[in-house]
Amino acid sequence: MAIRKAEPIGAQLLVAVDFSDCSRRALRKARELVSGGPARLLVLHVIDQRFVQECVRHRIGTPGQIKKQLFVEAKSQLKQFLQEEGLDSGQVKTVVCEGVPHLEITRHAHKFKADLIVLGSCGMVGDPDAIFFGGTAEKVLRFISRPVLCVPPASDERN
């Protein structure tokens, strides 16, 4: 009986996307990184639970109705986002979840044993909370023990 050598599984990269130009750049960088070998890409979108709570507070709907609508829209947007970047669901694993973005990114990075987390960093222009408390990328860096690649915006995106 011949013993077959196992093929290397390769790296696991987690890319968090929010459909912004910054997250598009992060996805492109991650795709570039995995193109050279046997690596797997996990694309994660987090529905911010604070947004759901705000919608409920403004009586837009029940939590269940709002979450259902947001999940349907996010899955559709994610599929389109990947197609626009030349990827399809057969090439990557996709996850849509709800929670606090930096905590969900950290949780999924551990759950899927990500070797690298790739995030777009849009800067903190115009967001007072981000200026004082840090944006999602900065918060992920505070909580994670895994390597993180922050992809900066193109210089013209900062204006």
N, C-alpha and C. Protein backbone atom coordinates (compact mmCIF):
# COMPACT_ATOMS: atom_id res chain seq x y z
N MET A 1 0.84 -1.17 0.00
CA MET A 1 0.00 0.00 0.00
C MET A 1 0.89 1.24 0.00
N ALA A 2 0.68 2.09 -0.97
CA ALA A 2 1.48 3.31 -1.09
C ALA A 2 0.91 4.40 -0.18
N ILE A 3 1.81 5.13 0.42
CA ILE A 3 1.40 6.24 1.28
C ILE A 3 1.45 7.51 0.46
N ARG A 4 0.31 8.18 0.39
CA ARG A 4 0.26 9.44 -0.35
C ARG A 4 0.63 10.59 0.56
N LYS A 5 1.39 11.47 0.02
CA LYS A 5 1.77 12.67 0.76
C LYS A 5 0.58 13.63 0.77
N ALA A 6 0.24 14.13 1.92
CA ALA A 6 -0.87 15.08 2.03
C ALA A 6 -0.48 16.40 1.39
N GLU A 7 -1.41 16.98 0.68
CA GLU A 7 -1.17 18.30 0.10
C GLU A 7 -1.28 19.34 1.21
N PRO A 8 -0.43 20.35 1.17
CA PRO A 8 -0.52 21.39 2.20
C PRO A 8 -1.84 22.14 2.10
N ILE A 9 -2.42 22.40 3.24
CA ILE A 9 -3.68 23.13 3.26
C ILE A 9 -3.45 24.59 2.91
N GLY A 10 -2.34 25.13 3.36
CA GLY A 10 -2.06 26.53 3.07
C GLY A 10 -2.62 27.44 4.13
N ALA A 11 -2.41 28.69 3.90
CA ALA A 11 -2.82 29.71 4.87
C ALA A 11 -4.32 29.97 4.79
N GLN A 12 -4.84 30.42 5.90
CA GLN A 12 -6.24 30.85 5.98
C GLN A 12 -6.21 32.36 6.17
N LEU A 13 -6.80 33.09 5.23
CA LEU A 13 -6.88 34.55 5.34
C LEU A 13 -8.33 34.95 5.56
N LEU A 14 -8.56 35.80 6.55
CA LEU A 14 -9.88 36.34 6.80
C LEU A 14 -9.87 37.79 6.34
N VAL A 15 -10.84 38.15 5.51
CA VAL A 15 -10.99 39.52 5.05
C VAL A 15 -12.35 40.01 5.52
N ALA A 16 -12.35 41.10 6.28
CA ALA A 16 -13.60 41.71 6.72
C ALA A 16 -13.98 42.79 5.73
N VAL A 17 -15.22 42.74 5.25
CA VAL A 17 -15.67 43.73 4.27
C VAL A 17 -16.94 44.41 4.74
N ASP A 18 -17.03 45.70 4.39
CA ASP A 18 -18.25 46.46 4.66
C ASP A 18 -18.76 47.10 3.37
N PHE A 19 -18.23 46.64 2.23
CA PHE A 19 -18.61 47.07 0.88
C PHE A 19 -18.09 48.46 0.53
N SER A 20 -17.23 49.01 1.35
CA SER A 20 -16.62 50.31 1.06
C SER A 20 -15.44 50.13 0.10
N ASP A 21 -14.94 51.24 -0.44
CA ASP A 21 -13.76 51.18 -1.28
C ASP A 21 -12.56 50.66 -0.50
N CYS A 22 -12.49 51.00 0.78
CA CYS A 22 -11.39 50.53 1.62
C CYS A 22 -11.43 49.00 1.75
N SER A 23 -12.60 48.45 1.97
CA SER A 23 -12.67 46.99 2.10
C SER A 23 -12.47 46.32 0.74
N ARG A 24 -12.81 47.00 -0.34
CA ARG A 24 -12.55 46.47 -1.68
C ARG A 24 -11.04 46.34 -1.89
N ARG A 25 -10.29 47.34 -1.44
CA ARG A 25 -8.82 47.30 -1.55
C ARG A 25 -8.26 46.16 -0.69
N ALA A 26 -8.83 45.94 0.48
CA ALA A 26 -8.38 44.85 1.34
C ALA A 26 -8.64 43.50 0.68
N LEU A 27 -9.80 43.34 0.05
CA LEU A 27 -10.13 42.10 -0.64
C LEU A 27 -9.16 41.86 -1.80
N ARG A 28 -8.85 42.91 -2.53
CA ARG A 28 -7.90 42.78 -3.64
C ARG A 28 -6.52 42.35 -3.13
N LYS A 29 -6.08 42.94 -2.03
CA LYS A 29 -4.78 42.59 -1.46
C LYS A 29 -4.79 41.13 -0.99
N ALA A 30 -5.86 40.70 -0.34
CA ALA A 30 -5.95 39.32 0.12
C ALA A 30 -5.95 38.35 -1.06
N ARG A 31 -6.68 38.70 -2.12
CA ARG A 31 -6.71 37.85 -3.32
C ARG A 31 -5.30 37.75 -3.91
N GLU A 32 -4.59 38.86 -3.92
CA GLU A 32 -3.21 38.87 -4.41
C GLU A 32 -2.33 37.96 -3.55
N LEU A 33 -2.51 37.99 -2.25
CA LEU A 33 -1.70 37.17 -1.34
C LEU A 33 -1.97 35.67 -1.50
N VAL A 34 -3.21 35.28 -1.76
CA VAL A 34 -3.54 33.86 -1.88
C VAL A 34 -3.31 33.32 -3.29
N SER A 35 -3.09 34.18 -4.26
CA SER A 35 -2.97 33.72 -5.64
C SER A 35 -1.73 32.87 -5.88
N GLY A 36 -0.75 32.94 -5.02
CA GLY A 36 0.49 32.21 -5.24
C GLY A 36 0.52 30.79 -4.72
N GLY A 37 -0.51 30.34 -4.06
CA GLY A 37 -0.42 28.99 -3.52
C GLY A 37 -1.71 28.50 -2.91
N PRO A 38 -1.58 27.39 -2.16
CA PRO A 38 -2.78 26.76 -1.58
C PRO A 38 -3.25 27.49 -0.33
N ALA A 39 -3.94 28.55 -0.50
CA ALA A 39 -4.46 29.30 0.64
C ALA A 39 -5.97 29.42 0.49
N ARG A 40 -6.62 29.62 1.60
CA ARG A 40 -8.08 29.77 1.58
C ARG A 40 -8.45 31.16 2.08
N LEU A 41 -9.52 31.66 1.49
CA LEU A 41 -9.99 33.00 1.79
C LEU A 41 -11.37 32.93 2.43
N LEU A 42 -11.50 33.58 3.58
CA LEU A 42 -12.79 33.70 4.26
C LEU A 42 -13.16 35.17 4.21
N VAL A 43 -14.31 35.48 3.63
CA VAL A 43 -14.77 36.86 3.53
C VAL A 43 -15.93 37.03 4.51
N LEU A 44 -15.76 37.96 5.43
CA LEU A 44 -16.71 38.17 6.52
C LEU A 44 -17.34 39.55 6.44
N HIS A 45 -18.66 39.58 6.57
CA HIS A 45 -19.37 40.85 6.70
C HIS A 45 -20.15 40.81 8.01
N VAL A 46 -19.99 41.86 8.82
CA VAL A 46 -20.67 41.93 10.11
C VAL A 46 -21.76 42.99 10.05
N ILE A 47 -22.97 42.58 10.34
CA ILE A 47 -24.08 43.52 10.49
C ILE A 47 -23.96 44.08 11.91
N ASP A 48 -23.74 45.36 12.00
CA ASP A 48 -23.49 45.99 13.29
C ASP A 48 -24.76 45.98 14.13
N GLN A 49 -24.70 45.32 15.28
CA GLN A 49 -25.88 45.22 16.14
C GLN A 49 -26.34 46.58 16.65
N ARG A 50 -25.42 47.54 16.72
CA ARG A 50 -25.82 48.89 17.15
C ARG A 50 -26.75 49.52 16.12
N PHE A 51 -26.52 49.22 14.83
CA PHE A 51 -27.40 49.72 13.78
C PHE A 51 -28.79 49.09 13.91
N VAL A 52 -28.82 47.80 14.19
CA VAL A 52 -30.11 47.12 14.38
C VAL A 52 -30.86 47.76 15.54
N GLN A 53 -30.16 48.02 16.64
CA GLN A 53 -30.79 48.63 17.82
C GLN A 53 -31.32 50.03 17.50
N GLU A 54 -30.57 50.79 16.70
CA GLU A 54 -31.03 52.13 16.30
C GLU A 54 -32.30 52.03 15.46
N CYS A 55 -32.36 51.08 14.56
CA CYS A 55 -33.56 50.89 13.73
C CYS A 55 -34.76 50.55 14.59
N VAL A 56 -34.56 49.70 15.58
CA VAL A 56 -35.64 49.33 16.49
C VAL A 56 -36.07 50.55 17.29
N ARG A 57 -35.10 51.32 17.77
CA ARG A 57 -35.39 52.52 18.56
C ARG A 57 -36.23 53.52 17.77
N HIS A 58 -35.98 53.60 16.46
CA HIS A 58 -36.73 54.50 15.60
C HIS A 58 -37.99 53.86 15.03
N ARG A 59 -38.34 52.70 15.56
CA ARG A 59 -39.58 51.99 15.20
C ARG A 59 -39.68 51.66 13.70
N ILE A 60 -38.56 51.30 13.13
CA ILE A 60 -38.55 50.91 11.72
C ILE A 60 -39.11 49.51 11.56
N GLY A 61 -38.99 48.72 12.59
CA GLY A 61 -39.50 47.35 12.55
C GLY A 61 -39.09 46.63 13.81
N THR A 62 -39.47 45.36 13.88
CA THR A 62 -39.07 44.53 15.01
C THR A 62 -37.63 44.08 14.78
N PRO A 63 -36.94 43.67 15.84
CA PRO A 63 -35.57 43.18 15.65
C PRO A 63 -35.50 42.05 14.61
N GLY A 64 -36.45 41.14 14.66
CA GLY A 64 -36.46 40.03 13.71
C GLY A 64 -36.62 40.49 12.27
N GLN A 65 -37.54 41.42 12.04
CA GLN A 65 -37.76 41.94 10.69
C GLN A 65 -36.52 42.66 10.16
N ILE A 66 -35.95 43.49 11.01
CA ILE A 66 -34.78 44.28 10.60
C ILE A 66 -33.60 43.36 10.30
N LYS A 67 -33.34 42.40 11.19
CA LYS A 67 -32.22 41.48 10.98
C LYS A 67 -32.41 40.67 9.69
N LYS A 68 -33.62 40.17 9.48
CA LYS A 68 -33.89 39.37 8.28
C LYS A 68 -33.59 40.19 7.02
N GLN A 69 -34.09 41.42 6.99
CA GLN A 69 -33.87 42.28 5.83
C GLN A 69 -32.38 42.58 5.63
N LEU A 70 -31.68 42.88 6.72
CA LEU A 70 -30.26 43.19 6.63
C LEU A 70 -29.44 41.98 6.18
N PHE A 71 -29.79 40.78 6.65
CA PHE A 71 -29.08 39.57 6.24
C PHE A 71 -29.29 39.29 4.75
N VAL A 72 -30.54 39.43 4.29
CA VAL A 72 -30.84 39.20 2.87
C VAL A 72 -30.05 40.19 2.01
N GLU A 73 -30.09 41.46 2.38
CA GLU A 73 -29.37 42.48 1.61
C GLU A 73 -27.86 42.26 1.65
N ALA A 74 -27.33 41.91 2.83
CA ALA A 74 -25.88 41.72 2.96
C ALA A 74 -25.40 40.53 2.13
N LYS A 75 -26.15 39.45 2.13
CA LYS A 75 -25.75 38.28 1.33
C LYS A 75 -25.76 38.61 -0.15
N SER A 76 -26.77 39.35 -0.58
CA SER A 76 -26.84 39.77 -1.98
C SER A 76 -25.69 40.70 -2.34
N GLN A 77 -25.44 41.69 -1.48
CA GLN A 77 -24.34 42.63 -1.72
C GLN A 77 -23.00 41.91 -1.73
N LEU A 78 -22.82 40.96 -0.83
CA LEU A 78 -21.57 40.22 -0.75
C LEU A 78 -21.33 39.42 -2.03
N LYS A 79 -22.37 38.78 -2.51
CA LYS A 79 -22.26 38.01 -3.76
C LYS A 79 -21.86 38.93 -4.91
N GLN A 80 -22.52 40.07 -5.01
CA GLN A 80 -22.21 41.04 -6.07
C GLN A 80 -20.80 41.60 -5.90
N PHE A 81 -20.42 41.93 -4.67
CA PHE A 81 -19.10 42.48 -4.34
C PHE A 81 -18.00 41.52 -4.81
N LEU A 82 -18.19 40.23 -4.53
CA LEU A 82 -17.21 39.22 -4.93
C LEU A 82 -17.16 39.07 -6.44
N GLN A 83 -18.33 39.07 -7.08
CA GLN A 83 -18.38 38.95 -8.54
C GLN A 83 -17.66 40.12 -9.20
N GLU A 84 -17.86 41.32 -8.68
CA GLU A 84 -17.19 42.50 -9.24
C GLU A 84 -15.68 42.39 -9.13
N GLU A 85 -15.20 41.62 -8.16
CA GLU A 85 -13.77 41.44 -7.96
C GLU A 85 -13.25 40.15 -8.60
N GLY A 86 -14.09 39.51 -9.39
CA GLY A 86 -13.67 38.31 -10.09
C GLY A 86 -13.60 37.07 -9.22
N LEU A 87 -14.32 37.07 -8.11
CA LEU A 87 -14.38 35.92 -7.21
C LEU A 87 -15.80 35.41 -7.17
N ASP A 88 -15.95 34.13 -6.88
CA ASP A 88 -17.31 33.61 -6.66
C ASP A 88 -17.31 32.77 -5.40
N SER A 89 -18.49 32.39 -4.98
CA SER A 89 -18.62 31.70 -3.70
C SER A 89 -17.92 30.35 -3.70
N GLY A 90 -17.60 29.80 -4.88
CA GLY A 90 -16.85 28.56 -4.94
C GLY A 90 -15.38 28.75 -4.61
N GLN A 91 -14.88 29.96 -4.77
CA GLN A 91 -13.47 30.25 -4.51
C GLN A 91 -13.21 30.68 -3.08
N VAL A 92 -14.22 31.19 -2.42
CA VAL A 92 -14.05 31.70 -1.07
C VAL A 92 -15.19 31.22 -0.17
N LYS A 93 -14.92 31.22 1.11
CA LYS A 93 -15.99 30.96 2.08
C LYS A 93 -16.50 32.32 2.52
N THR A 94 -17.81 32.46 2.54
CA THR A 94 -18.39 33.73 2.97
C THR A 94 -19.20 33.52 4.24
N VAL A 95 -19.16 34.54 5.09
CA VAL A 95 -19.92 34.52 6.34
C VAL A 95 -20.53 35.90 6.53
N VAL A 96 -21.83 35.91 6.84
CA VAL A 96 -22.51 37.13 7.25
C VAL A 96 -23.01 36.86 8.66
N CYS A 97 -22.68 37.75 9.58
CA CYS A 97 -23.12 37.58 10.96
C CYS A 97 -23.52 38.94 11.52
N GLU A 98 -24.04 38.91 12.74
CA GLU A 98 -24.44 40.14 13.40
C GLU A 98 -23.69 40.25 14.71
N GLY A 99 -23.31 41.48 15.06
CA GLY A 99 -22.63 41.70 16.32
C GLY A 99 -21.87 43.01 16.29
N VAL A 100 -20.92 43.14 17.19
CA VAL A 100 -20.03 44.29 17.22
C VAL A 100 -18.88 43.95 16.27
N PRO A 101 -18.66 44.74 15.22
CA PRO A 101 -17.71 44.34 14.18
C PRO A 101 -16.34 43.86 14.67
N HIS A 102 -15.66 44.63 15.50
CA HIS A 102 -14.31 44.21 15.89
C HIS A 102 -14.32 42.92 16.71
N LEU A 103 -15.36 42.70 17.49
CA LEU A 103 -15.45 41.47 18.27
C LEU A 103 -15.76 40.27 17.39
N GLU A 104 -16.63 40.45 16.40
CA GLU A 104 -16.97 39.35 15.48
C GLU A 104 -15.79 38.99 14.59
N ILE A 105 -15.05 39.99 14.16
CA ILE A 105 -13.85 39.73 13.34
C ILE A 105 -12.87 38.89 14.16
N THR A 106 -12.66 39.28 15.40
CA THR A 106 -11.75 38.55 16.28
C THR A 106 -12.25 37.13 16.53
N ARG A 107 -13.53 37.01 16.81
CA ARG A 107 -14.13 35.69 17.09
C ARG A 107 -13.99 34.76 15.90
N HIS A 108 -14.30 35.28 14.71
CA HIS A 108 -14.22 34.44 13.50
C HIS A 108 -12.77 34.12 13.13
N ALA A 109 -11.86 35.03 13.41
CA ALA A 109 -10.45 34.75 13.15
C ALA A 109 -9.98 33.55 13.98
N HIS A 110 -10.41 33.49 15.23
CA HIS A 110 -10.05 32.35 16.08
C HIS A 110 -10.81 31.10 15.65
N LYS A 111 -12.09 31.25 15.39
CA LYS A 111 -12.91 30.09 15.01
C LYS A 111 -12.38 29.40 13.76
N PHE A 112 -11.97 30.18 12.76
CA PHE A 112 -11.49 29.61 11.50
C PHE A 112 -9.97 29.49 11.45
N LYS A 113 -9.32 29.75 12.59
CA LYS A 113 -7.86 29.63 12.69
C LYS A 113 -7.15 30.42 11.58
N ALA A 114 -7.58 31.66 11.41
CA ALA A 114 -7.00 32.52 10.37
C ALA A 114 -5.53 32.79 10.68
N ASP A 115 -4.71 32.64 9.66
CA ASP A 115 -3.29 32.95 9.79
C ASP A 115 -3.03 34.44 9.63
N LEU A 116 -3.96 35.11 8.96
CA LEU A 116 -3.82 36.54 8.72
C LEU A 116 -5.20 37.15 8.57
N ILE A 117 -5.40 38.30 9.20
CA ILE A 117 -6.64 39.06 9.04
C ILE A 117 -6.29 40.27 8.17
N VAL A 118 -7.07 40.48 7.12
CA VAL A 118 -6.83 41.59 6.21
C VAL A 118 -8.00 42.56 6.34
N LEU A 119 -7.68 43.81 6.68
CA LEU A 119 -8.69 44.84 6.89
C LEU A 119 -8.35 46.08 6.08
N GLY A 120 -9.37 46.73 5.60
CA GLY A 120 -9.18 48.04 5.00
C GLY A 120 -9.23 49.07 6.11
N SER A 121 -8.37 50.05 6.01
CA SER A 121 -8.36 51.12 7.01
C SER A 121 -8.67 52.42 6.28
N CYS A 122 -9.84 52.97 6.57
CA CYS A 122 -10.29 54.18 5.86
C CYS A 122 -9.85 55.47 6.54
N GLY A 123 -9.23 55.36 7.68
CA GLY A 123 -8.89 56.57 8.41
C GLY A 123 -10.08 56.99 9.25
N MET A 124 -9.91 58.05 9.98
CA MET A 124 -10.95 58.46 10.91
C MET A 124 -11.54 59.82 10.57
N VAL A 125 -11.47 60.21 9.34
CA VAL A 125 -11.97 61.51 8.92
C VAL A 125 -13.48 61.59 9.10
N GLY A 126 -13.93 62.59 9.84
CA GLY A 126 -15.36 62.84 9.97
C GLY A 126 -16.11 61.94 10.93
N ASP A 127 -15.45 61.04 11.63
CA ASP A 127 -16.12 60.15 12.57
C ASP A 127 -15.59 60.41 13.97
N PRO A 128 -16.30 61.23 14.76
CA PRO A 128 -15.81 61.59 16.09
C PRO A 128 -15.56 60.37 16.99
N ASP A 129 -16.42 59.36 16.92
CA ASP A 129 -16.21 58.16 17.74
C ASP A 129 -14.90 57.49 17.38
N ALA A 130 -14.62 57.37 16.08
CA ALA A 130 -13.39 56.71 15.64
C ALA A 130 -12.16 57.52 16.05
N ILE A 131 -12.27 58.84 16.00
CA ILE A 131 -11.13 59.68 16.38
C ILE A 131 -10.77 59.45 17.84
N PHE A 132 -11.77 59.36 18.71
CA PHE A 132 -11.50 59.22 20.14
C PHE A 132 -11.31 57.77 20.59
N PHE A 133 -12.02 56.84 19.96
CA PHE A 133 -11.99 55.46 20.43
C PHE A 133 -11.36 54.49 19.45
N GLY A 134 -11.01 54.94 18.26
CA GLY A 134 -10.40 54.08 17.26
C GLY A 134 -11.46 53.47 16.36
N GLY A 135 -11.08 53.22 15.13
CA GLY A 135 -11.97 52.56 14.18
C GLY A 135 -11.93 51.05 14.37
N THR A 136 -12.64 50.35 13.52
CA THR A 136 -12.72 48.89 13.63
C THR A 136 -11.34 48.25 13.54
N ALA A 137 -10.52 48.68 12.57
CA ALA A 137 -9.19 48.08 12.41
C ALA A 137 -8.36 48.24 13.68
N GLU A 138 -8.38 49.43 14.26
CA GLU A 138 -7.61 49.67 15.49
C GLU A 138 -8.13 48.81 16.64
N LYS A 139 -9.43 48.65 16.74
CA LYS A 139 -10.00 47.84 17.81
C LYS A 139 -9.66 46.37 17.62
N VAL A 140 -9.64 45.91 16.37
CA VAL A 140 -9.24 44.52 16.12
C VAL A 140 -7.80 44.32 16.61
N LEU A 141 -6.93 45.27 16.30
CA LEU A 141 -5.54 45.16 16.72
C LEU A 141 -5.40 45.07 18.24
N ARG A 142 -6.29 45.71 18.98
CA ARG A 142 -6.24 45.68 20.44
C ARG A 142 -6.60 44.31 21.00
N PHE A 143 -7.48 43.57 20.30
CA PHE A 143 -8.03 42.33 20.85
C PHE A 143 -7.46 41.05 20.25
N ILE A 144 -6.72 41.13 19.17
CA ILE A 144 -6.33 39.92 18.45
C ILE A 144 -4.88 39.57 18.73
N SER A 145 -4.59 38.29 18.72
CA SER A 145 -3.21 37.82 18.88
C SER A 145 -2.68 37.23 17.57
N ARG A 146 -3.40 37.44 16.51
CA ARG A 146 -3.00 36.94 15.19
C ARG A 146 -2.51 38.11 14.34
N PRO A 147 -1.72 37.84 13.31
CA PRO A 147 -1.25 38.92 12.45
C PRO A 147 -2.39 39.61 11.71
N VAL A 148 -2.27 40.91 11.58
CA VAL A 148 -3.28 41.72 10.90
C VAL A 148 -2.57 42.58 9.86
N LEU A 149 -3.12 42.59 8.66
CA LEU A 149 -2.63 43.47 7.60
C LEU A 149 -3.69 44.54 7.38
N CYS A 150 -3.33 45.79 7.65
CA CYS A 150 -4.24 46.91 7.42
C CYS A 150 -3.87 47.54 6.09
N VAL A 151 -4.82 47.55 5.17
CA VAL A 151 -4.59 48.10 3.84
C VAL A 151 -5.10 49.55 3.85
N PRO A 152 -4.20 50.50 3.67
CA PRO A 152 -4.61 51.91 3.72
C PRO A 152 -5.39 52.31 2.47
N PRO A 153 -6.14 53.37 2.59
CA PRO A 153 -6.87 53.84 1.40
C PRO A 153 -5.89 54.45 0.41
N ALA A 154 -6.33 54.52 -0.83
CA ALA A 154 -5.54 55.26 -1.82
C ALA A 154 -5.50 56.70 -1.35
N SER A 155 -4.47 57.41 -1.69
CA SER A 155 -4.31 58.77 -1.19
C SER A 155 -5.49 59.66 -1.53
N ASP A 156 -6.14 59.44 -2.67
CA ASP A 156 -7.28 60.28 -3.03
C ASP A 156 -8.55 59.92 -2.27
N GLU A 157 -8.59 58.76 -1.60
CA GLU A 157 -9.76 58.36 -0.82
C GLU A 157 -9.79 59.06 0.54
N ARG A 158 -8.68 59.62 0.97
CA ARG A 158 -8.62 60.26 2.29
C ARG A 158 -9.23 61.66 2.28
N ASN A 159 -9.43 62.23 1.11
CA ASN A 159 -9.96 63.59 1.03
C ASN A 159 -11.44 63.63 1.17
